[in-house]
Amino acid sequence: MAATAGAPRGAFILFEGVDRSGKSTQAAKLVEALNAQGTRAELWRFPDRKGTVTGKAIDEYLSATAAAVSSSGTGGTEGGKSGAGLSDQAIHMMFSANRWEKSRALLEALQQGVTLVVDRYAYSGVAYTAAKRVPGCGVAWCKAPDTGLPAPDVTLWMALPPGAAAARGGFGGERYEEAGFQEQVRGVFAEVRDSSFVDVDASGSVEEVHQRASC
């Protein structure tokens, strides 16, 4: 991508939260609003299941039935192994590799003045692995592979209890969507949040939440 002379750097806006907290909906609405205002904006999602080498394997892993989750109570793992026969450590590295695959393109887009609104990123990677409580996969270990990735300018945390998220349509359709596990995920997020985090009340209508996320 050729550099645009004098183009100001784009913003890196990240949406994080438990499953079904409204991240994807609100990220898409923010991109639409920014473009309508004349700001060049793109929606990115992690993991990138289609445009990366690791994407196909990740897509197959995440699309496993919700029954695999409830049978183990540890995010679809048994004795540290996933339904696909991969260790939790290997799965975590695969998700981190997915982010690294996109990191150069991400930086180039920002340098071109494109604002990137991103649905999930490294914080989710840490939270979902550490929440499995597998020996040796603590928060510090989980954070290490992502050291050096581009950092968000702001992280909009969609504040919604997992119980409320579980009541929303579509919950339970993927491997990690089990209410008890989501509670553990929320606890890890509380541990890893940093100064980039801004809480957004994710309750109410889509438009109400959009107004809060756009402030």
N, C-alpha and C. Protein backbone atom coordinates (compact mmCIF):
# COMPACT_ATOMS: atom_id res chain seq x y z
N MET A 1 0.85 -1.18 0.00
CA MET A 1 0.00 0.00 0.00
C MET A 1 0.89 1.24 0.00
N ALA A 2 0.70 2.09 -0.98
CA ALA A 2 1.53 3.29 -1.08
C ALA A 2 1.14 4.30 -0.01
N ALA A 3 2.12 5.00 0.51
CA ALA A 3 1.85 5.99 1.55
C ALA A 3 1.15 7.21 0.96
N THR A 4 0.26 7.79 1.73
CA THR A 4 -0.44 9.01 1.34
C THR A 4 0.22 10.17 2.05
N ALA A 5 0.80 11.09 1.29
CA ALA A 5 1.54 12.20 1.88
C ALA A 5 0.64 13.04 2.77
N GLY A 6 1.10 13.27 3.97
CA GLY A 6 0.39 14.15 4.88
C GLY A 6 -0.85 13.56 5.52
N ALA A 7 -1.14 12.28 5.28
CA ALA A 7 -2.33 11.67 5.85
C ALA A 7 -2.15 11.49 7.35
N PRO A 8 -3.09 11.97 8.16
CA PRO A 8 -2.99 11.75 9.60
C PRO A 8 -3.21 10.28 9.93
N ARG A 9 -2.61 9.83 10.99
CA ARG A 9 -2.77 8.44 11.39
C ARG A 9 -4.22 8.17 11.77
N GLY A 10 -4.71 7.01 11.37
CA GLY A 10 -6.05 6.61 11.77
C GLY A 10 -6.07 6.17 13.22
N ALA A 11 -7.25 6.07 13.79
CA ALA A 11 -7.41 5.62 15.17
C ALA A 11 -7.64 4.12 15.20
N PHE A 12 -7.16 3.49 16.24
CA PHE A 12 -7.36 2.06 16.48
C PHE A 12 -8.35 1.94 17.64
N ILE A 13 -9.60 1.65 17.30
CA ILE A 13 -10.69 1.56 18.28
C ILE A 13 -11.08 0.10 18.43
N LEU A 14 -10.96 -0.41 19.64
CA LEU A 14 -11.23 -1.82 19.90
C LEU A 14 -12.49 -2.00 20.73
N PHE A 15 -13.30 -2.98 20.35
CA PHE A 15 -14.45 -3.40 21.15
C PHE A 15 -14.13 -4.74 21.79
N GLU A 16 -14.29 -4.83 23.11
CA GLU A 16 -14.11 -6.08 23.84
C GLU A 16 -15.31 -6.31 24.76
N GLY A 17 -15.48 -7.57 25.16
CA GLY A 17 -16.59 -7.92 26.05
C GLY A 17 -16.84 -9.41 26.01
N VAL A 18 -17.72 -9.88 26.87
CA VAL A 18 -18.08 -11.30 26.85
C VAL A 18 -18.92 -11.57 25.61
N ASP A 19 -19.14 -12.84 25.30
CA ASP A 19 -19.93 -13.20 24.14
C ASP A 19 -21.35 -12.65 24.24
N ARG A 20 -21.88 -12.20 23.10
CA ARG A 20 -23.24 -11.66 22.97
C ARG A 20 -23.45 -10.38 23.77
N SER A 21 -22.38 -9.65 24.01
CA SER A 21 -22.53 -8.36 24.71
C SER A 21 -22.80 -7.22 23.74
N GLY A 22 -22.81 -7.51 22.45
CA GLY A 22 -23.13 -6.49 21.46
C GLY A 22 -21.93 -5.90 20.75
N LYS A 23 -20.76 -6.50 20.92
CA LYS A 23 -19.54 -5.96 20.30
C LYS A 23 -19.65 -5.83 18.79
N SER A 24 -20.04 -6.91 18.14
CA SER A 24 -20.06 -6.91 16.67
C SER A 24 -21.06 -5.91 16.12
N THR A 25 -22.24 -5.87 16.73
CA THR A 25 -23.26 -4.93 16.28
C THR A 25 -22.80 -3.50 16.44
N GLN A 26 -22.24 -3.18 17.59
CA GLN A 26 -21.82 -1.81 17.86
C GLN A 26 -20.59 -1.41 17.05
N ALA A 27 -19.68 -2.34 16.82
CA ALA A 27 -18.52 -2.04 15.99
C ALA A 27 -18.96 -1.69 14.57
N ALA A 28 -19.90 -2.47 14.04
CA ALA A 28 -20.39 -2.20 12.68
C ALA A 28 -21.11 -0.86 12.61
N LYS A 29 -21.90 -0.54 13.63
CA LYS A 29 -22.62 0.74 13.63
C LYS A 29 -21.65 1.92 13.73
N LEU A 30 -20.59 1.76 14.50
CA LEU A 30 -19.63 2.85 14.62
C LEU A 30 -18.92 3.10 13.29
N VAL A 31 -18.55 2.03 12.60
CA VAL A 31 -17.91 2.19 11.29
C VAL A 31 -18.85 2.91 10.33
N GLU A 32 -20.10 2.51 10.33
CA GLU A 32 -21.09 3.16 9.46
C GLU A 32 -21.21 4.65 9.78
N ALA A 33 -21.25 4.97 11.07
CA ALA A 33 -21.39 6.37 11.49
C ALA A 33 -20.15 7.18 11.12
N LEU A 34 -18.97 6.61 11.33
CA LEU A 34 -17.74 7.32 11.01
C LEU A 34 -17.63 7.62 9.52
N ASN A 35 -17.94 6.63 8.69
CA ASN A 35 -17.89 6.84 7.25
C ASN A 35 -18.91 7.88 6.80
N ALA A 36 -20.08 7.88 7.44
CA ALA A 36 -21.10 8.87 7.11
C ALA A 36 -20.65 10.28 7.45
N GLN A 37 -19.78 10.39 8.45
CA GLN A 37 -19.24 11.69 8.86
C GLN A 37 -18.03 12.11 8.03
N GLY A 38 -17.60 11.26 7.12
CA GLY A 38 -16.44 11.58 6.29
C GLY A 38 -15.12 11.03 6.79
N THR A 39 -15.16 10.23 7.85
CA THR A 39 -13.94 9.59 8.37
C THR A 39 -13.78 8.21 7.74
N ARG A 40 -12.65 7.98 7.11
CA ARG A 40 -12.39 6.66 6.52
C ARG A 40 -12.26 5.63 7.64
N ALA A 41 -13.14 4.66 7.62
CA ALA A 41 -13.15 3.66 8.70
C ALA A 41 -13.42 2.28 8.12
N GLU A 42 -12.79 1.28 8.73
CA GLU A 42 -12.99 -0.11 8.34
C GLU A 42 -13.27 -0.95 9.57
N LEU A 43 -14.06 -2.00 9.37
CA LEU A 43 -14.36 -2.95 10.44
C LEU A 43 -13.45 -4.17 10.29
N TRP A 44 -12.70 -4.47 11.33
CA TRP A 44 -11.88 -5.68 11.37
C TRP A 44 -12.37 -6.56 12.51
N ARG A 45 -12.23 -7.87 12.32
CA ARG A 45 -12.62 -8.82 13.36
C ARG A 45 -11.49 -9.81 13.60
N PHE A 46 -11.29 -10.12 14.87
CA PHE A 46 -10.34 -11.17 15.25
C PHE A 46 -11.07 -12.23 16.05
N PRO A 47 -10.77 -13.51 15.80
CA PRO A 47 -9.82 -13.94 14.78
C PRO A 47 -10.35 -13.69 13.37
N ASP A 48 -9.43 -13.46 12.44
CA ASP A 48 -9.77 -13.34 11.03
C ASP A 48 -9.85 -14.76 10.48
N ARG A 49 -11.08 -15.24 10.28
CA ARG A 49 -11.26 -16.64 9.90
C ARG A 49 -11.09 -16.89 8.40
N LYS A 50 -11.11 -15.85 7.60
CA LYS A 50 -11.12 -16.04 6.14
C LYS A 50 -9.82 -15.61 5.46
N GLY A 51 -9.19 -14.55 5.95
CA GLY A 51 -8.08 -13.97 5.21
C GLY A 51 -6.70 -14.31 5.72
N THR A 52 -6.56 -15.38 6.50
CA THR A 52 -5.27 -15.74 7.06
C THR A 52 -5.03 -17.25 6.94
N VAL A 53 -3.78 -17.64 7.05
CA VAL A 53 -3.42 -19.06 7.00
C VAL A 53 -4.07 -19.82 8.15
N THR A 54 -4.08 -19.20 9.33
CA THR A 54 -4.63 -19.86 10.51
C THR A 54 -6.15 -19.80 10.58
N GLY A 55 -6.76 -18.99 9.71
CA GLY A 55 -8.20 -18.74 9.82
C GLY A 55 -9.08 -19.97 9.69
N LYS A 56 -8.76 -20.87 8.74
CA LYS A 56 -9.60 -22.04 8.53
C LYS A 56 -9.61 -22.94 9.76
N ALA A 57 -8.45 -23.17 10.34
CA ALA A 57 -8.37 -24.03 11.53
C ALA A 57 -9.12 -23.41 12.70
N ILE A 58 -9.00 -22.09 12.84
CA ILE A 58 -9.70 -21.40 13.92
C ILE A 58 -11.20 -21.47 13.71
N ASP A 59 -11.64 -21.32 12.46
CA ASP A 59 -13.06 -21.37 12.16
C ASP A 59 -13.65 -22.73 12.52
N GLU A 60 -12.93 -23.78 12.19
CA GLU A 60 -13.40 -25.13 12.52
C GLU A 60 -13.45 -25.33 14.04
N TYR A 61 -12.46 -24.81 14.73
CA TYR A 61 -12.41 -24.96 16.18
C TYR A 61 -13.57 -24.23 16.85
N LEU A 62 -13.81 -22.96 16.45
CA LEU A 62 -14.85 -22.17 17.10
C LEU A 62 -16.25 -22.63 16.74
N SER A 63 -16.40 -23.29 15.60
CA SER A 63 -17.72 -23.72 15.15
C SER A 63 -18.12 -25.08 15.71
N ALA A 64 -17.29 -25.66 16.58
CA ALA A 64 -17.64 -26.92 17.23
C ALA A 64 -18.93 -26.73 18.03
N THR A 65 -19.68 -27.77 18.22
CA THR A 65 -20.98 -27.66 18.87
C THR A 65 -20.88 -27.21 20.32
N ALA A 66 -21.91 -26.52 20.78
CA ALA A 66 -21.96 -26.06 22.16
C ALA A 66 -21.97 -27.24 23.13
N ALA A 67 -22.35 -28.42 22.65
CA ALA A 67 -22.36 -29.59 23.52
C ALA A 67 -20.96 -29.92 24.02
N ALA A 68 -19.94 -29.60 23.21
CA ALA A 68 -18.57 -29.86 23.63
C ALA A 68 -18.19 -29.00 24.81
N VAL A 69 -18.79 -27.82 24.91
CA VAL A 69 -18.52 -26.94 26.03
C VAL A 69 -19.12 -27.48 27.31
N SER A 70 -20.42 -27.76 27.27
CA SER A 70 -21.12 -28.16 28.49
C SER A 70 -20.64 -29.51 29.00
N SER A 71 -20.11 -30.36 28.13
CA SER A 71 -19.67 -31.68 28.56
C SER A 71 -18.41 -31.62 29.41
N SER A 72 -17.60 -30.54 29.22
CA SER A 72 -16.35 -30.45 29.97
C SER A 72 -16.36 -29.39 31.03
N GLY A 73 -17.11 -28.30 30.80
CA GLY A 73 -17.16 -27.19 31.74
C GLY A 73 -15.90 -26.35 31.75
N THR A 74 -15.00 -26.56 30.78
CA THR A 74 -13.75 -25.80 30.73
C THR A 74 -13.51 -25.25 29.34
N GLY A 75 -14.58 -24.72 28.74
CA GLY A 75 -14.41 -24.11 27.43
C GLY A 75 -14.17 -25.13 26.34
N GLY A 76 -14.75 -26.35 26.51
CA GLY A 76 -14.63 -27.33 25.45
C GLY A 76 -13.35 -28.12 25.47
N THR A 77 -12.70 -28.23 26.62
CA THR A 77 -11.47 -29.00 26.68
C THR A 77 -11.62 -30.11 27.70
N GLU A 78 -10.84 -31.14 27.49
CA GLU A 78 -10.80 -32.25 28.44
C GLU A 78 -9.35 -32.56 28.72
N GLY A 79 -8.94 -32.36 29.97
CA GLY A 79 -7.56 -32.63 30.33
C GLY A 79 -6.57 -31.79 29.56
N GLY A 80 -6.97 -30.54 29.23
CA GLY A 80 -6.07 -29.66 28.50
C GLY A 80 -6.09 -29.87 27.00
N LYS A 81 -7.00 -30.73 26.49
CA LYS A 81 -7.06 -30.98 25.06
C LYS A 81 -8.38 -30.45 24.50
N SER A 82 -8.32 -29.89 23.30
CA SER A 82 -9.53 -29.42 22.64
C SER A 82 -10.20 -30.57 21.93
N GLY A 83 -11.42 -30.33 21.44
CA GLY A 83 -12.12 -31.34 20.68
C GLY A 83 -11.37 -31.75 19.43
N ALA A 84 -10.51 -30.86 18.91
CA ALA A 84 -9.75 -31.15 17.70
C ALA A 84 -8.44 -31.88 18.02
N GLY A 85 -8.17 -32.17 19.29
CA GLY A 85 -6.95 -32.87 19.65
C GLY A 85 -5.75 -31.98 19.86
N LEU A 86 -5.95 -30.67 19.84
CA LEU A 86 -4.86 -29.73 20.07
C LEU A 86 -4.81 -29.35 21.54
N SER A 87 -3.61 -29.12 22.05
CA SER A 87 -3.49 -28.65 23.42
C SER A 87 -3.97 -27.21 23.51
N ASP A 88 -4.33 -26.79 24.71
CA ASP A 88 -4.75 -25.41 24.90
C ASP A 88 -3.63 -24.44 24.57
N GLN A 89 -2.39 -24.86 24.83
CA GLN A 89 -1.25 -24.01 24.49
C GLN A 89 -1.16 -23.81 22.98
N ALA A 90 -1.36 -24.88 22.22
CA ALA A 90 -1.30 -24.78 20.76
C ALA A 90 -2.43 -23.90 20.23
N ILE A 91 -3.61 -24.05 20.81
CA ILE A 91 -4.75 -23.23 20.39
C ILE A 91 -4.48 -21.76 20.65
N HIS A 92 -3.93 -21.47 21.82
CA HIS A 92 -3.63 -20.08 22.15
C HIS A 92 -2.61 -19.50 21.17
N MET A 93 -1.58 -20.25 20.86
CA MET A 93 -0.57 -19.77 19.91
C MET A 93 -1.17 -19.56 18.52
N MET A 94 -2.13 -20.40 18.16
CA MET A 94 -2.77 -20.27 16.86
C MET A 94 -3.55 -18.96 16.76
N PHE A 95 -4.26 -18.62 17.84
CA PHE A 95 -5.01 -17.36 17.86
C PHE A 95 -4.05 -16.16 17.84
N SER A 96 -2.94 -16.26 18.57
CA SER A 96 -1.97 -15.17 18.57
C SER A 96 -1.35 -15.02 17.19
N ALA A 97 -1.03 -16.14 16.54
CA ALA A 97 -0.47 -16.10 15.20
C ALA A 97 -1.42 -15.42 14.23
N ASN A 98 -2.71 -15.62 14.43
CA ASN A 98 -3.71 -14.98 13.59
C ASN A 98 -3.62 -13.46 13.69
N ARG A 99 -3.41 -12.96 14.90
CA ARG A 99 -3.26 -11.51 15.07
C ARG A 99 -1.96 -11.00 14.45
N TRP A 100 -0.90 -11.77 14.62
CA TRP A 100 0.38 -11.36 14.04
C TRP A 100 0.32 -11.36 12.52
N GLU A 101 -0.41 -12.31 11.93
CA GLU A 101 -0.55 -12.33 10.48
C GLU A 101 -1.13 -11.03 9.93
N LYS A 102 -2.00 -10.41 10.70
CA LYS A 102 -2.67 -9.19 10.25
C LYS A 102 -1.98 -7.92 10.73
N SER A 103 -0.96 -8.03 11.55
CA SER A 103 -0.40 -6.84 12.20
C SER A 103 0.22 -5.85 11.22
N ARG A 104 0.89 -6.35 10.20
CA ARG A 104 1.52 -5.42 9.24
C ARG A 104 0.45 -4.66 8.46
N ALA A 105 -0.58 -5.37 8.00
CA ALA A 105 -1.67 -4.71 7.27
C ALA A 105 -2.40 -3.72 8.17
N LEU A 106 -2.52 -4.07 9.45
CA LEU A 106 -3.18 -3.18 10.40
C LEU A 106 -2.41 -1.87 10.53
N LEU A 107 -1.11 -1.96 10.71
CA LEU A 107 -0.29 -0.76 10.83
C LEU A 107 -0.31 0.07 9.56
N GLU A 108 -0.27 -0.59 8.41
CA GLU A 108 -0.29 0.13 7.14
C GLU A 108 -1.59 0.91 6.97
N ALA A 109 -2.71 0.27 7.35
CA ALA A 109 -4.00 0.95 7.24
C ALA A 109 -4.04 2.19 8.14
N LEU A 110 -3.56 2.05 9.36
CA LEU A 110 -3.54 3.19 10.28
C LEU A 110 -2.66 4.31 9.73
N GLN A 111 -1.53 3.95 9.16
CA GLN A 111 -0.62 4.95 8.61
C GLN A 111 -1.22 5.66 7.40
N GLN A 112 -2.15 4.99 6.72
CA GLN A 112 -2.85 5.59 5.59
C GLN A 112 -3.98 6.52 6.03
N GLY A 113 -4.19 6.61 7.33
CA GLY A 113 -5.24 7.47 7.84
C GLY A 113 -6.58 6.79 8.00
N VAL A 114 -6.60 5.46 7.87
CA VAL A 114 -7.85 4.72 8.03
C VAL A 114 -8.07 4.42 9.51
N THR A 115 -9.23 4.75 10.02
CA THR A 115 -9.59 4.38 11.39
C THR A 115 -10.09 2.95 11.39
N LEU A 116 -9.49 2.12 12.22
CA LEU A 116 -9.87 0.72 12.31
C LEU A 116 -10.70 0.48 13.57
N VAL A 117 -11.89 -0.02 13.36
CA VAL A 117 -12.76 -0.42 14.46
C VAL A 117 -12.68 -1.94 14.52
N VAL A 118 -12.15 -2.46 15.61
CA VAL A 118 -11.79 -3.87 15.70
C VAL A 118 -12.66 -4.60 16.72
N ASP A 119 -13.22 -5.71 16.28
CA ASP A 119 -14.08 -6.56 17.11
C ASP A 119 -13.22 -7.70 17.66
N ARG A 120 -12.82 -7.59 18.91
CA ARG A 120 -11.95 -8.52 19.64
C ARG A 120 -10.49 -8.38 19.20
N TYR A 121 -9.60 -8.67 20.17
CA TYR A 121 -8.16 -8.57 19.88
C TYR A 121 -7.42 -9.39 20.94
N ALA A 122 -6.22 -8.97 21.28
CA ALA A 122 -5.36 -9.77 22.16
C ALA A 122 -5.94 -9.96 23.56
N TYR A 123 -6.69 -8.98 24.07
CA TYR A 123 -7.28 -9.13 25.40
C TYR A 123 -8.19 -10.35 25.44
N SER A 124 -8.97 -10.55 24.38
CA SER A 124 -9.83 -11.73 24.32
C SER A 124 -9.00 -13.00 24.30
N GLY A 125 -7.88 -12.97 23.56
CA GLY A 125 -7.03 -14.14 23.51
C GLY A 125 -6.55 -14.56 24.88
N VAL A 126 -6.12 -13.59 25.67
CA VAL A 126 -5.66 -13.86 27.03
C VAL A 126 -6.82 -14.35 27.90
N ALA A 127 -7.94 -13.64 27.84
CA ALA A 127 -9.07 -13.95 28.73
C ALA A 127 -9.63 -15.34 28.49
N TYR A 128 -9.78 -15.73 27.23
CA TYR A 128 -10.42 -17.01 26.95
C TYR A 128 -9.51 -18.20 27.23
N THR A 129 -8.21 -18.02 27.09
CA THR A 129 -7.31 -19.12 27.45
C THR A 129 -7.12 -19.21 28.96
N ALA A 130 -6.84 -18.08 29.60
CA ALA A 130 -6.61 -18.10 31.05
C ALA A 130 -7.84 -18.56 31.81
N ALA A 131 -9.03 -18.28 31.27
CA ALA A 131 -10.27 -18.67 31.95
C ALA A 131 -10.46 -20.18 31.98
N LYS A 132 -9.75 -20.91 31.14
CA LYS A 132 -9.85 -22.38 31.16
C LYS A 132 -9.19 -22.97 32.41
N ARG A 133 -8.31 -22.17 33.04
CA ARG A 133 -7.63 -22.58 34.27
C ARG A 133 -6.80 -23.85 34.07
N VAL A 134 -6.14 -23.91 32.95
CA VAL A 134 -5.24 -25.03 32.66
C VAL A 134 -3.88 -24.73 33.28
N PRO A 135 -3.29 -25.67 34.03
CA PRO A 135 -1.97 -25.42 34.63
C PRO A 135 -0.95 -24.96 33.58
N GLY A 136 -0.23 -23.91 33.92
CA GLY A 136 0.78 -23.38 33.02
C GLY A 136 0.27 -22.34 32.04
N CYS A 137 -1.04 -22.13 32.02
CA CYS A 137 -1.64 -21.17 31.08
C CYS A 137 -2.24 -19.99 31.84
N GLY A 138 -1.46 -19.43 32.75
CA GLY A 138 -1.92 -18.26 33.49
C GLY A 138 -1.87 -17.01 32.64
N VAL A 139 -2.28 -15.90 33.24
CA VAL A 139 -2.37 -14.63 32.51
C VAL A 139 -1.02 -14.22 31.92
N ALA A 140 0.04 -14.30 32.71
CA ALA A 140 1.36 -13.87 32.23
C ALA A 140 1.80 -14.69 31.02
N TRP A 141 1.61 -16.00 31.09
CA TRP A 141 1.98 -16.86 29.96
C TRP A 141 1.14 -16.51 28.74
N CYS A 142 -0.14 -16.27 28.94
CA CYS A 142 -1.05 -15.98 27.82
C CYS A 142 -0.73 -14.65 27.15
N LYS A 143 -0.24 -13.69 27.91
CA LYS A 143 0.06 -12.37 27.35
C LYS A 143 1.35 -12.36 26.52
N ALA A 144 2.28 -13.26 26.84
CA ALA A 144 3.61 -13.20 26.24
C ALA A 144 3.63 -13.25 24.71
N PRO A 145 2.87 -14.16 24.05
CA PRO A 145 2.97 -14.23 22.59
C PRO A 145 2.51 -12.97 21.86
N ASP A 146 1.70 -12.15 22.52
CA ASP A 146 1.17 -10.95 21.88
C ASP A 146 2.01 -9.71 22.15
N THR A 147 3.10 -9.87 22.89
CA THR A 147 3.97 -8.73 23.19
C THR A 147 4.52 -8.14 21.90
N GLY A 148 4.31 -6.84 21.71
CA GLY A 148 4.79 -6.18 20.50
C GLY A 148 3.73 -5.93 19.45
N LEU A 149 2.54 -6.49 19.62
CA LEU A 149 1.45 -6.21 18.68
C LEU A 149 1.05 -4.74 18.75
N PRO A 150 0.53 -4.17 17.66
CA PRO A 150 0.00 -2.80 17.72
C PRO A 150 -1.05 -2.69 18.83
N ALA A 151 -0.98 -1.63 19.60
CA ALA A 151 -1.90 -1.45 20.74
C ALA A 151 -3.06 -0.54 20.35
N PRO A 152 -4.25 -0.81 20.86
CA PRO A 152 -5.39 0.06 20.56
C PRO A 152 -5.25 1.42 21.23
N ASP A 153 -5.83 2.43 20.60
CA ASP A 153 -5.88 3.76 21.21
C ASP A 153 -6.93 3.80 22.32
N VAL A 154 -8.02 3.09 22.10
CA VAL A 154 -9.07 3.01 23.11
C VAL A 154 -9.73 1.64 22.99
N THR A 155 -10.07 1.06 24.14
CA THR A 155 -10.76 -0.22 24.19
C THR A 155 -12.12 0.00 24.83
N LEU A 156 -13.17 -0.15 24.04
CA LEU A 156 -14.53 0.03 24.54
C LEU A 156 -15.02 -1.30 25.10
N TRP A 157 -15.11 -1.35 26.42
CA TRP A 157 -15.54 -2.57 27.11
C TRP A 157 -17.05 -2.55 27.22
N MET A 158 -17.70 -3.54 26.58
CA MET A 158 -19.15 -3.64 26.59
C MET A 158 -19.58 -4.27 27.91
N ALA A 159 -19.99 -3.44 28.83
CA ALA A 159 -20.28 -3.87 30.20
C ALA A 159 -21.67 -4.50 30.27
N LEU A 160 -21.68 -5.82 30.31
CA LEU A 160 -22.93 -6.57 30.39
C LEU A 160 -22.64 -7.89 31.09
N PRO A 161 -23.34 -8.20 32.19
CA PRO A 161 -23.10 -9.46 32.89
C PRO A 161 -23.36 -10.65 31.98
N PRO A 162 -22.59 -11.72 32.10
CA PRO A 162 -22.81 -12.90 31.27
C PRO A 162 -24.23 -13.43 31.34
N GLY A 163 -24.87 -13.30 32.49
CA GLY A 163 -26.25 -13.76 32.61
C GLY A 163 -27.17 -13.04 31.66
N ALA A 164 -26.95 -11.74 31.50
CA ALA A 164 -27.75 -10.95 30.57
C ALA A 164 -27.41 -11.31 29.14
N ALA A 165 -26.13 -11.54 28.88
CA ALA A 165 -25.71 -11.91 27.53
C ALA A 165 -26.30 -13.26 27.13
N ALA A 166 -26.37 -14.19 28.09
CA ALA A 166 -26.90 -15.52 27.79
C ALA A 166 -28.37 -15.50 27.42
N ALA A 167 -29.08 -14.46 27.85
CA ALA A 167 -30.50 -14.34 27.54
C ALA A 167 -30.74 -13.81 26.13
N ARG A 168 -29.70 -13.35 25.48
CA ARG A 168 -29.84 -12.79 24.14
C ARG A 168 -29.86 -13.90 23.09
N GLY A 169 -30.48 -13.63 21.97
CA GLY A 169 -30.61 -14.60 20.90
C GLY A 169 -29.27 -15.07 20.37
N GLY A 170 -29.18 -16.37 20.06
CA GLY A 170 -27.98 -16.92 19.46
C GLY A 170 -26.94 -17.41 20.44
N PHE A 171 -27.14 -17.16 21.74
CA PHE A 171 -26.14 -17.58 22.72
C PHE A 171 -26.07 -19.11 22.76
N GLY A 172 -24.85 -19.64 22.83
CA GLY A 172 -24.66 -21.09 22.89
C GLY A 172 -24.29 -21.72 21.57
N GLY A 173 -24.16 -20.90 20.51
CA GLY A 173 -23.89 -21.45 19.19
C GLY A 173 -22.44 -21.77 18.91
N GLU A 174 -21.53 -21.38 19.79
CA GLU A 174 -20.11 -21.66 19.57
C GLU A 174 -19.49 -22.25 20.83
N ARG A 175 -18.25 -22.66 20.68
CA ARG A 175 -17.58 -23.47 21.70
C ARG A 175 -17.56 -22.84 23.08
N TYR A 176 -17.31 -21.55 23.18
CA TYR A 176 -17.10 -20.92 24.47
C TYR A 176 -18.36 -20.31 25.07
N GLU A 177 -19.49 -20.44 24.39
CA GLU A 177 -20.70 -19.76 24.85
C GLU A 177 -21.45 -20.61 25.88
N GLU A 178 -20.95 -20.61 27.08
CA GLU A 178 -21.58 -21.28 28.22
C GLU A 178 -21.48 -20.31 29.38
N ALA A 179 -22.60 -20.09 30.07
CA ALA A 179 -22.69 -18.99 31.04
C ALA A 179 -21.61 -19.06 32.12
N GLY A 180 -21.36 -20.24 32.68
CA GLY A 180 -20.36 -20.35 33.74
C GLY A 180 -18.97 -20.01 33.24
N PHE A 181 -18.64 -20.46 32.05
CA PHE A 181 -17.33 -20.14 31.49
C PHE A 181 -17.21 -18.66 31.19
N GLN A 182 -18.29 -18.05 30.71
CA GLN A 182 -18.27 -16.62 30.42
C GLN A 182 -18.02 -15.80 31.69
N GLU A 183 -18.50 -16.29 32.82
CA GLU A 183 -18.24 -15.60 34.09
C GLU A 183 -16.74 -15.63 34.40
N GLN A 184 -16.10 -16.77 34.13
CA GLN A 184 -14.65 -16.86 34.34
C GLN A 184 -13.91 -15.92 33.38
N VAL A 185 -14.38 -15.84 32.15
CA VAL A 185 -13.77 -14.94 31.17
C VAL A 185 -13.86 -13.50 31.64
N ARG A 186 -15.01 -13.12 32.15
CA ARG A 186 -15.19 -11.75 32.62
C ARG A 186 -14.22 -11.44 33.76
N GLY A 187 -13.96 -12.43 34.62
CA GLY A 187 -13.02 -12.23 35.70
C GLY A 187 -11.60 -11.98 35.21
N VAL A 188 -11.19 -12.69 34.16
CA VAL A 188 -9.85 -12.47 33.61
C VAL A 188 -9.77 -11.11 32.93
N PHE A 189 -10.82 -10.72 32.23
CA PHE A 189 -10.83 -9.38 31.62
C PHE A 189 -10.60 -8.30 32.68
N ALA A 190 -11.20 -8.48 33.85
CA ALA A 190 -11.03 -7.50 34.92
C ALA A 190 -9.57 -7.43 35.35
N GLU A 191 -8.87 -8.54 35.24
CA GLU A 191 -7.46 -8.59 35.63
C GLU A 191 -6.54 -7.97 34.58
N VAL A 192 -6.88 -8.12 33.31
CA VAL A 192 -5.97 -7.67 32.25
C VAL A 192 -6.28 -6.27 31.71
N ARG A 193 -7.41 -5.69 32.12
CA ARG A 193 -7.76 -4.37 31.58
C ARG A 193 -6.68 -3.35 31.95
N ASP A 194 -6.47 -2.40 31.06
CA ASP A 194 -5.45 -1.38 31.27
C ASP A 194 -6.04 0.01 31.05
N SER A 195 -5.16 1.00 30.92
CA SER A 195 -5.62 2.39 30.84
C SER A 195 -6.37 2.70 29.55
N SER A 196 -6.31 1.80 28.56
CA SER A 196 -7.04 2.04 27.31
C SER A 196 -8.53 1.74 27.44
N PHE A 197 -8.93 1.03 28.51
CA PHE A 197 -10.32 0.58 28.65
C PHE A 197 -11.25 1.72 29.06
N VAL A 198 -12.39 1.77 28.38
CA VAL A 198 -13.48 2.68 28.72
C VAL A 198 -14.75 1.84 28.79
N ASP A 199 -15.45 1.88 29.91
CA ASP A 199 -16.67 1.10 30.07
C ASP A 199 -17.83 1.72 29.31
N VAL A 200 -18.57 0.87 28.59
CA VAL A 200 -19.78 1.28 27.88
C VAL A 200 -20.92 0.41 28.38
N ASP A 201 -21.96 1.03 28.93
CA ASP A 201 -23.14 0.29 29.37
C ASP A 201 -23.79 -0.35 28.15
N ALA A 202 -23.74 -1.69 28.07
CA ALA A 202 -24.22 -2.40 26.90
C ALA A 202 -25.67 -2.85 27.02
N SER A 203 -26.37 -2.39 28.07
CA SER A 203 -27.78 -2.73 28.22
C SER A 203 -28.62 -1.71 27.45
N GLY A 204 -29.85 -2.08 27.15
CA GLY A 204 -30.73 -1.17 26.42
C GLY A 204 -30.78 -1.51 24.94
N SER A 205 -31.39 -0.61 24.17
CA SER A 205 -31.55 -0.85 22.73
C SER A 205 -30.22 -0.68 22.00
N VAL A 206 -30.18 -1.18 20.77
CA VAL A 206 -28.98 -1.04 19.95
C VAL A 206 -28.62 0.42 19.76
N GLU A 207 -29.61 1.26 19.52
CA GLU A 207 -29.36 2.68 19.30
C GLU A 207 -28.88 3.37 20.57
N GLU A 208 -29.45 2.99 21.71
CA GLU A 208 -29.00 3.58 22.97
C GLU A 208 -27.53 3.26 23.24
N VAL A 209 -27.15 2.01 23.01
CA VAL A 209 -25.76 1.61 23.23
C VAL A 209 -24.85 2.31 22.23
N HIS A 210 -25.32 2.45 21.00
CA HIS A 210 -24.52 3.14 19.98
C HIS A 210 -24.22 4.57 20.40
N GLN A 211 -25.20 5.24 20.95
CA GLN A 211 -24.98 6.62 21.40
C GLN A 211 -23.92 6.67 22.50
N ARG A 212 -23.94 5.70 23.40
CA ARG A 212 -22.94 5.66 24.48
C ARG A 212 -21.55 5.36 23.92
N ALA A 213 -21.48 4.43 22.97
CA ALA A 213 -20.19 4.03 22.41
C ALA A 213 -19.59 5.11 21.52
N SER A 214 -20.41 6.02 21.05
CA SER A 214 -19.94 7.05 20.12
C SER A 214 -19.48 8.32 20.83
N CYS A 215 -19.70 8.40 22.14
CA CYS A 215 -19.36 9.62 22.87
C CYS A 215 -17.85 9.81 22.96
